[in-house]
Amino acid sequence: MELLVLFTEVAGRDCNECQLYVFDEKLGQIVRQPSSGQPIRRSPRHKAPCRTDGESCPKGTPETSNDFTAQNWQAYFHFLGCEATGRFPDESRVNRNARLIALARERAERKRQWLAQKRLEMTAEHLAEMMGLSVQARLS
């Protein structure tokens, strides 16, 4: 669930496609040839982020991916449909999955907010340093 909340651009990306084609990392989409619209294949020099030193993919590598299984995706999309309509079938498995998904989503959202706060604090510290203010001066 963290992938969906924190790294939306790679959450639904197929690892095999990422190994084959160049992706726009900000948009999370395959880069295409302007003239033909065909996907641009990765060259041996342009490795996927999970295979590049100094970079990484939040999903890990295809061999160690923490990606959703087909069953996970099915349960998640069912949850979204039920959530959108406000109607959940009265089935124990649906109720259990809904509770697990809601808890995981809440936890991931709290982490996203915490990370955003940390980035904000780091930015404030960096700006203060650039302006020549010490941490003590900022606190007083």
N, C-alpha and C. Protein backbone atom coordinates (compact mmCIF):
# COMPACT_ATOMS: atom_id res chain seq x y z
N MET A 1 0.83 -1.19 0.00
CA MET A 1 0.00 0.00 0.00
C MET A 1 0.87 1.25 0.00
N GLU A 2 2.04 1.16 0.67
CA GLU A 2 2.95 2.32 0.67
C GLU A 2 3.32 2.72 -0.74
N LEU A 3 3.54 1.74 -1.61
CA LEU A 3 3.88 2.07 -2.99
C LEU A 3 2.80 2.91 -3.64
N LEU A 4 1.54 2.56 -3.42
CA LEU A 4 0.45 3.31 -4.03
C LEU A 4 0.37 4.74 -3.51
N VAL A 5 0.66 4.92 -2.24
CA VAL A 5 0.54 6.24 -1.63
C VAL A 5 1.80 7.08 -1.84
N LEU A 6 2.96 6.46 -1.65
CA LEU A 6 4.22 7.21 -1.69
C LEU A 6 4.86 7.27 -3.07
N PHE A 7 4.67 6.23 -3.86
CA PHE A 7 5.35 6.14 -5.15
C PHE A 7 4.36 5.75 -6.25
N THR A 8 3.35 6.58 -6.41
CA THR A 8 2.28 6.28 -7.36
C THR A 8 2.81 6.02 -8.77
N GLU A 9 3.86 6.75 -9.14
CA GLU A 9 4.38 6.65 -10.50
C GLU A 9 4.97 5.28 -10.82
N VAL A 10 5.37 4.50 -9.81
CA VAL A 10 5.91 3.16 -10.08
C VAL A 10 5.02 2.04 -9.57
N ALA A 11 4.01 2.37 -8.79
CA ALA A 11 3.19 1.34 -8.14
C ALA A 11 2.57 0.37 -9.14
N GLY A 12 2.03 0.88 -10.22
CA GLY A 12 1.38 0.01 -11.19
C GLY A 12 2.27 -0.39 -12.35
N ARG A 13 3.52 0.00 -12.28
CA ARG A 13 4.44 -0.29 -13.38
C ARG A 13 4.85 -1.76 -13.36
N ASP A 14 4.80 -2.37 -14.52
CA ASP A 14 5.23 -3.75 -14.66
C ASP A 14 6.76 -3.78 -14.74
N CYS A 15 7.38 -4.55 -13.85
CA CYS A 15 8.85 -4.61 -13.80
C CYS A 15 9.45 -5.06 -15.13
N ASN A 16 8.81 -6.01 -15.80
CA ASN A 16 9.34 -6.50 -17.08
C ASN A 16 9.32 -5.39 -18.13
N GLU A 17 8.25 -4.59 -18.16
CA GLU A 17 8.19 -3.46 -19.10
C GLU A 17 9.28 -2.45 -18.78
N CYS A 18 9.51 -2.22 -17.49
CA CYS A 18 10.52 -1.25 -17.07
C CYS A 18 11.92 -1.71 -17.50
N GLN A 19 12.15 -3.02 -17.50
CA GLN A 19 13.44 -3.55 -17.94
C GLN A 19 13.62 -3.34 -19.44
N LEU A 20 12.51 -3.38 -20.19
CA LEU A 20 12.57 -3.29 -21.65
C LEU A 20 12.52 -1.86 -22.20
N TYR A 21 11.72 -1.00 -21.56
CA TYR A 21 11.45 0.32 -22.13
C TYR A 21 11.89 1.46 -21.21
N VAL A 22 12.18 2.60 -21.81
CA VAL A 22 12.54 3.81 -21.07
C VAL A 22 11.25 4.42 -20.51
N PHE A 23 11.29 4.79 -19.23
CA PHE A 23 10.14 5.42 -18.58
C PHE A 23 10.47 6.85 -18.21
N ASP A 24 9.46 7.71 -18.29
CA ASP A 24 9.55 9.05 -17.73
C ASP A 24 9.27 8.87 -16.25
N GLU A 25 10.29 9.03 -15.42
CA GLU A 25 10.17 8.71 -14.00
C GLU A 25 9.20 9.63 -13.26
N LYS A 26 9.04 10.86 -13.75
CA LYS A 26 8.11 11.78 -13.08
C LYS A 26 6.66 11.44 -13.40
N LEU A 27 6.40 11.09 -14.65
CA LEU A 27 5.03 10.77 -15.07
C LEU A 27 4.68 9.31 -14.86
N GLY A 28 5.72 8.46 -14.79
CA GLY A 28 5.47 7.03 -14.63
C GLY A 28 4.99 6.37 -15.91
N GLN A 29 5.31 6.97 -17.06
CA GLN A 29 4.84 6.45 -18.34
C GLN A 29 6.02 6.08 -19.23
N ILE A 30 5.76 5.13 -20.12
CA ILE A 30 6.77 4.74 -21.11
C ILE A 30 7.01 5.92 -22.05
N VAL A 31 8.28 6.20 -22.34
CA VAL A 31 8.64 7.25 -23.30
C VAL A 31 8.45 6.67 -24.70
N ARG A 32 7.82 7.45 -25.57
CA ARG A 32 7.51 6.96 -26.92
C ARG A 32 8.19 7.82 -27.98
N GLN A 33 8.45 7.18 -29.13
CA GLN A 33 9.01 7.89 -30.28
C GLN A 33 8.00 8.95 -30.72
N PRO A 34 8.43 10.21 -30.86
CA PRO A 34 7.48 11.26 -31.27
C PRO A 34 6.83 10.97 -32.64
N SER A 35 7.60 10.40 -33.56
CA SER A 35 7.08 10.20 -34.91
C SER A 35 6.12 9.01 -35.01
N SER A 36 6.47 7.89 -34.37
CA SER A 36 5.67 6.68 -34.54
C SER A 36 4.80 6.33 -33.34
N GLY A 37 5.14 6.90 -32.18
CA GLY A 37 4.40 6.54 -30.97
C GLY A 37 4.82 5.22 -30.36
N GLN A 38 5.84 4.60 -30.97
CA GLN A 38 6.34 3.31 -30.46
C GLN A 38 7.16 3.52 -29.20
N PRO A 39 7.09 2.58 -28.24
CA PRO A 39 7.90 2.71 -27.02
C PRO A 39 9.39 2.67 -27.35
N ILE A 40 10.17 3.45 -26.60
CA ILE A 40 11.62 3.46 -26.79
C ILE A 40 12.21 2.37 -25.91
N ARG A 41 12.94 1.45 -26.55
CA ARG A 41 13.56 0.35 -25.82
C ARG A 41 14.80 0.84 -25.09
N ARG A 42 15.06 0.24 -23.94
CA ARG A 42 16.28 0.57 -23.19
C ARG A 42 17.49 0.00 -23.92
N SER A 43 18.54 0.80 -23.96
CA SER A 43 19.80 0.29 -24.50
C SER A 43 20.55 -0.35 -23.33
N PRO A 44 21.56 -1.16 -23.60
CA PRO A 44 22.33 -1.76 -22.50
C PRO A 44 22.96 -0.69 -21.59
N ARG A 45 23.22 0.51 -22.13
CA ARG A 45 23.80 1.59 -21.33
C ARG A 45 22.76 2.28 -20.45
N HIS A 46 21.49 2.18 -20.81
CA HIS A 46 20.42 2.87 -20.08
C HIS A 46 19.62 1.83 -19.28
N LYS A 47 20.19 1.44 -18.15
CA LYS A 47 19.57 0.40 -17.33
C LYS A 47 18.38 0.95 -16.56
N ALA A 48 17.51 0.04 -16.16
CA ALA A 48 16.36 0.41 -15.32
C ALA A 48 16.88 0.91 -13.98
N PRO A 49 16.12 1.79 -13.29
CA PRO A 49 16.57 2.34 -12.00
C PRO A 49 16.98 1.27 -10.99
N CYS A 50 16.30 0.13 -10.99
CA CYS A 50 16.63 -0.91 -10.02
C CYS A 50 17.98 -1.56 -10.31
N ARG A 51 18.51 -1.34 -11.50
CA ARG A 51 19.79 -1.95 -11.90
C ARG A 51 20.92 -0.92 -11.97
N THR A 52 20.66 0.30 -11.51
CA THR A 52 21.63 1.38 -11.63
C THR A 52 22.24 1.70 -10.28
N ASP A 53 23.56 1.76 -10.23
CA ASP A 53 24.24 2.14 -8.98
C ASP A 53 23.84 3.56 -8.60
N GLY A 54 23.58 3.75 -7.32
CA GLY A 54 23.23 5.07 -6.83
C GLY A 54 21.75 5.41 -6.99
N GLU A 55 21.04 4.63 -7.75
CA GLU A 55 19.59 4.81 -7.91
C GLU A 55 18.93 3.55 -7.40
N SER A 56 17.67 3.62 -7.21
CA SER A 56 16.96 2.40 -6.87
C SER A 56 15.49 2.60 -7.18
N CYS A 57 14.77 1.53 -7.13
CA CYS A 57 13.33 1.57 -7.35
C CYS A 57 12.66 1.20 -6.03
N PRO A 58 11.63 1.93 -5.63
CA PRO A 58 10.94 1.61 -4.39
C PRO A 58 10.37 0.19 -4.37
N LYS A 59 10.15 -0.39 -5.56
CA LYS A 59 9.61 -1.75 -5.62
C LYS A 59 10.70 -2.80 -5.41
N GLY A 60 11.96 -2.39 -5.48
CA GLY A 60 13.06 -3.35 -5.42
C GLY A 60 13.43 -3.76 -6.84
N THR A 61 13.90 -4.97 -6.99
CA THR A 61 14.22 -5.51 -8.31
C THR A 61 13.13 -6.50 -8.69
N PRO A 62 13.07 -6.90 -9.97
CA PRO A 62 12.04 -7.88 -10.34
C PRO A 62 12.15 -9.18 -9.52
N GLU A 63 13.36 -9.52 -9.12
CA GLU A 63 13.55 -10.75 -8.34
C GLU A 63 13.08 -10.60 -6.89
N THR A 64 13.13 -9.37 -6.37
CA THR A 64 12.79 -9.15 -4.96
C THR A 64 11.67 -8.12 -4.81
N SER A 65 10.84 -8.00 -5.82
CA SER A 65 9.82 -6.95 -5.84
C SER A 65 8.81 -7.10 -4.71
N ASN A 66 8.45 -5.95 -4.13
CA ASN A 66 7.39 -5.95 -3.12
C ASN A 66 6.10 -5.44 -3.74
N ASP A 67 5.90 -5.80 -4.99
CA ASP A 67 4.74 -5.40 -5.77
C ASP A 67 3.50 -6.18 -5.35
N PHE A 68 2.34 -5.65 -5.68
CA PHE A 68 1.08 -6.37 -5.45
C PHE A 68 1.05 -7.62 -6.32
N THR A 69 0.44 -8.66 -5.81
CA THR A 69 0.15 -9.84 -6.63
C THR A 69 -1.13 -9.55 -7.41
N ALA A 70 -1.46 -10.42 -8.36
CA ALA A 70 -2.70 -10.26 -9.11
C ALA A 70 -3.90 -10.28 -8.15
N GLN A 71 -3.84 -11.12 -7.13
CA GLN A 71 -4.92 -11.18 -6.14
C GLN A 71 -5.01 -9.89 -5.34
N ASN A 72 -3.85 -9.31 -4.98
CA ASN A 72 -3.84 -8.03 -4.26
C ASN A 72 -4.52 -6.95 -5.08
N TRP A 73 -4.16 -6.87 -6.37
CA TRP A 73 -4.76 -5.85 -7.24
C TRP A 73 -6.26 -6.07 -7.34
N GLN A 74 -6.67 -7.33 -7.49
CA GLN A 74 -8.10 -7.63 -7.60
C GLN A 74 -8.84 -7.17 -6.34
N ALA A 75 -8.29 -7.49 -5.18
CA ALA A 75 -8.92 -7.08 -3.91
C ALA A 75 -8.94 -5.56 -3.79
N TYR A 76 -7.85 -4.91 -4.19
CA TYR A 76 -7.77 -3.45 -4.07
C TYR A 76 -8.79 -2.77 -4.98
N PHE A 77 -8.88 -3.22 -6.24
CA PHE A 77 -9.84 -2.61 -7.15
C PHE A 77 -11.28 -2.88 -6.71
N HIS A 78 -11.53 -4.04 -6.14
CA HIS A 78 -12.85 -4.34 -5.59
C HIS A 78 -13.15 -3.37 -4.44
N PHE A 79 -12.16 -3.17 -3.58
CA PHE A 79 -12.30 -2.23 -2.46
C PHE A 79 -12.63 -0.83 -2.98
N LEU A 80 -11.89 -0.37 -4.00
CA LEU A 80 -12.13 0.97 -4.55
C LEU A 80 -13.55 1.09 -5.10
N GLY A 81 -14.02 0.05 -5.78
CA GLY A 81 -15.39 0.06 -6.31
C GLY A 81 -16.42 0.13 -5.20
N CYS A 82 -16.21 -0.67 -4.16
CA CYS A 82 -17.13 -0.66 -3.02
C CYS A 82 -17.09 0.69 -2.31
N GLU A 83 -15.89 1.22 -2.15
CA GLU A 83 -15.72 2.51 -1.47
C GLU A 83 -16.41 3.62 -2.26
N ALA A 84 -16.27 3.58 -3.59
CA ALA A 84 -16.87 4.62 -4.43
C ALA A 84 -18.39 4.60 -4.37
N THR A 85 -18.96 3.42 -4.27
CA THR A 85 -20.43 3.32 -4.24
C THR A 85 -20.98 3.34 -2.82
N GLY A 86 -20.09 3.14 -1.84
CA GLY A 86 -20.54 3.08 -0.45
C GLY A 86 -21.23 1.78 -0.11
N ARG A 87 -21.06 0.77 -0.96
CA ARG A 87 -21.71 -0.53 -0.72
C ARG A 87 -20.67 -1.64 -0.72
N PHE A 88 -20.55 -2.28 0.42
CA PHE A 88 -19.66 -3.42 0.56
C PHE A 88 -20.51 -4.67 0.77
N PRO A 89 -20.27 -5.74 0.01
CA PRO A 89 -21.02 -6.97 0.24
C PRO A 89 -20.78 -7.47 1.67
N ASP A 90 -21.77 -8.08 2.24
CA ASP A 90 -21.66 -8.59 3.60
C ASP A 90 -21.01 -9.98 3.56
N GLU A 91 -19.72 -9.99 3.26
CA GLU A 91 -18.95 -11.24 3.19
C GLU A 91 -17.72 -11.07 4.05
N SER A 92 -17.38 -12.12 4.78
CA SER A 92 -16.26 -12.02 5.72
C SER A 92 -14.94 -11.67 5.02
N ARG A 93 -14.70 -12.27 3.85
CA ARG A 93 -13.43 -11.99 3.15
C ARG A 93 -13.38 -10.54 2.68
N VAL A 94 -14.49 -10.03 2.17
CA VAL A 94 -14.55 -8.63 1.71
C VAL A 94 -14.33 -7.70 2.89
N ASN A 95 -14.99 -7.98 4.01
CA ASN A 95 -14.83 -7.15 5.21
C ASN A 95 -13.39 -7.18 5.72
N ARG A 96 -12.80 -8.36 5.75
CA ARG A 96 -11.41 -8.50 6.21
C ARG A 96 -10.47 -7.72 5.29
N ASN A 97 -10.62 -7.90 3.97
CA ASN A 97 -9.76 -7.19 3.02
C ASN A 97 -9.94 -5.68 3.14
N ALA A 98 -11.18 -5.24 3.31
CA ALA A 98 -11.45 -3.80 3.43
C ALA A 98 -10.77 -3.22 4.66
N ARG A 99 -10.83 -3.95 5.77
CA ARG A 99 -10.16 -3.47 6.99
C ARG A 99 -8.65 -3.40 6.79
N LEU A 100 -8.08 -4.45 6.20
CA LEU A 100 -6.63 -4.46 5.97
C LEU A 100 -6.19 -3.34 5.03
N ILE A 101 -6.94 -3.15 3.96
CA ILE A 101 -6.59 -2.10 2.99
C ILE A 101 -6.72 -0.73 3.63
N ALA A 102 -7.80 -0.50 4.37
CA ALA A 102 -8.00 0.80 5.02
C ALA A 102 -6.88 1.08 6.02
N LEU A 103 -6.51 0.09 6.81
CA LEU A 103 -5.42 0.27 7.79
C LEU A 103 -4.10 0.55 7.09
N ALA A 104 -3.80 -0.21 6.05
CA ALA A 104 -2.54 -0.02 5.32
C ALA A 104 -2.51 1.35 4.66
N ARG A 105 -3.63 1.77 4.12
CA ARG A 105 -3.70 3.08 3.46
C ARG A 105 -3.51 4.20 4.48
N GLU A 106 -4.13 4.07 5.64
CA GLU A 106 -3.96 5.08 6.69
C GLU A 106 -2.51 5.16 7.15
N ARG A 107 -1.88 4.00 7.34
CA ARG A 107 -0.48 3.97 7.76
C ARG A 107 0.42 4.61 6.71
N ALA A 108 0.19 4.28 5.45
CA ALA A 108 0.99 4.85 4.37
C ALA A 108 0.77 6.35 4.26
N GLU A 109 -0.45 6.80 4.46
CA GLU A 109 -0.75 8.23 4.41
C GLU A 109 -0.06 8.97 5.54
N ARG A 110 -0.04 8.38 6.74
CA ARG A 110 0.68 9.00 7.87
C ARG A 110 2.17 9.10 7.55
N LYS A 111 2.71 8.06 6.94
CA LYS A 111 4.13 8.08 6.57
C LYS A 111 4.38 9.16 5.52
N ARG A 112 3.47 9.29 4.55
CA ARG A 112 3.62 10.33 3.52
C ARG A 112 3.64 11.71 4.16
N GLN A 113 2.74 11.94 5.11
CA GLN A 113 2.69 13.23 5.79
C GLN A 113 3.96 13.46 6.62
N TRP A 114 4.44 12.42 7.28
CA TRP A 114 5.66 12.53 8.08
C TRP A 114 6.85 12.87 7.17
N LEU A 115 6.95 12.18 6.03
CA LEU A 115 8.04 12.45 5.09
C LEU A 115 7.95 13.88 4.55
N ALA A 116 6.75 14.34 4.25
CA ALA A 116 6.57 15.71 3.77
C ALA A 116 7.01 16.71 4.83
N GLN A 117 6.68 16.45 6.08
CA GLN A 117 7.09 17.33 7.18
C GLN A 117 8.61 17.34 7.31
N LYS A 118 9.24 16.17 7.22
CA LYS A 118 10.70 16.09 7.31
C LYS A 118 11.35 16.87 6.17
N ARG A 119 10.81 16.74 4.95
CA ARG A 119 11.36 17.49 3.82
C ARG A 119 11.22 18.99 4.06
N LEU A 120 10.10 19.40 4.61
CA LEU A 120 9.87 20.81 4.92
C LEU A 120 10.87 21.30 5.96
N GLU A 121 11.09 20.51 7.00
CA GLU A 121 12.06 20.89 8.04
C GLU A 121 13.47 20.97 7.47
N MET A 122 13.82 20.01 6.61
CA MET A 122 15.16 20.03 6.00
C MET A 122 15.32 21.26 5.12
N THR A 123 14.27 21.61 4.39
CA THR A 123 14.31 22.80 3.54
C THR A 123 14.47 24.05 4.39
N ALA A 124 13.74 24.13 5.49
CA ALA A 124 13.83 25.29 6.38
C ALA A 124 15.24 25.41 6.96
N GLU A 125 15.81 24.27 7.37
CA GLU A 125 17.18 24.29 7.90
C GLU A 125 18.17 24.73 6.84
N HIS A 126 17.99 24.23 5.63
CA HIS A 126 18.89 24.58 4.54
C HIS A 126 18.79 26.08 4.24
N LEU A 127 17.58 26.61 4.20
CA LEU A 127 17.41 28.05 3.95
C LEU A 127 18.03 28.88 5.07
N ALA A 128 17.85 28.43 6.31
CA ALA A 128 18.42 29.16 7.44
C ALA A 128 19.94 29.17 7.35
N GLU A 129 20.52 28.03 6.97
CA GLU A 129 21.99 27.97 6.81
C GLU A 129 22.45 28.90 5.70
N MET A 130 21.70 28.93 4.60
CA MET A 130 22.07 29.80 3.49
C MET A 130 22.00 31.27 3.90
N MET A 131 21.09 31.59 4.80
CA MET A 131 20.94 32.97 5.26
C MET A 131 21.88 33.28 6.42
N GLY A 132 22.64 32.28 6.86
CA GLY A 132 23.60 32.49 7.93
C GLY A 132 23.01 32.44 9.32
N LEU A 133 21.83 31.90 9.45
CA LEU A 133 21.21 31.78 10.77
C LEU A 133 21.58 30.45 11.39
N SER A 134 21.90 30.47 12.64
CA SER A 134 22.19 29.22 13.34
C SER A 134 20.88 28.60 13.81
N VAL A 135 20.93 27.35 14.16
CA VAL A 135 19.75 26.67 14.69
C VAL A 135 19.29 27.38 15.95
N GLN A 136 20.23 27.81 16.81
CA GLN A 136 19.87 28.50 18.06
C GLN A 136 19.16 29.82 17.77
N ALA A 137 19.64 30.56 16.78
CA ALA A 137 19.02 31.84 16.46
C ALA A 137 17.59 31.65 15.97
N ARG A 138 17.35 30.57 15.25
CA ARG A 138 16.00 30.30 14.76
C ARG A 138 15.07 29.94 15.90
N LEU A 139 15.59 29.26 16.90
CA LEU A 139 14.74 28.80 18.00
C LEU A 139 14.42 29.90 18.99
N SER A 140 15.22 30.96 19.04
CA SER A 140 14.96 32.01 20.04
C SER A 140 14.08 33.11 19.48
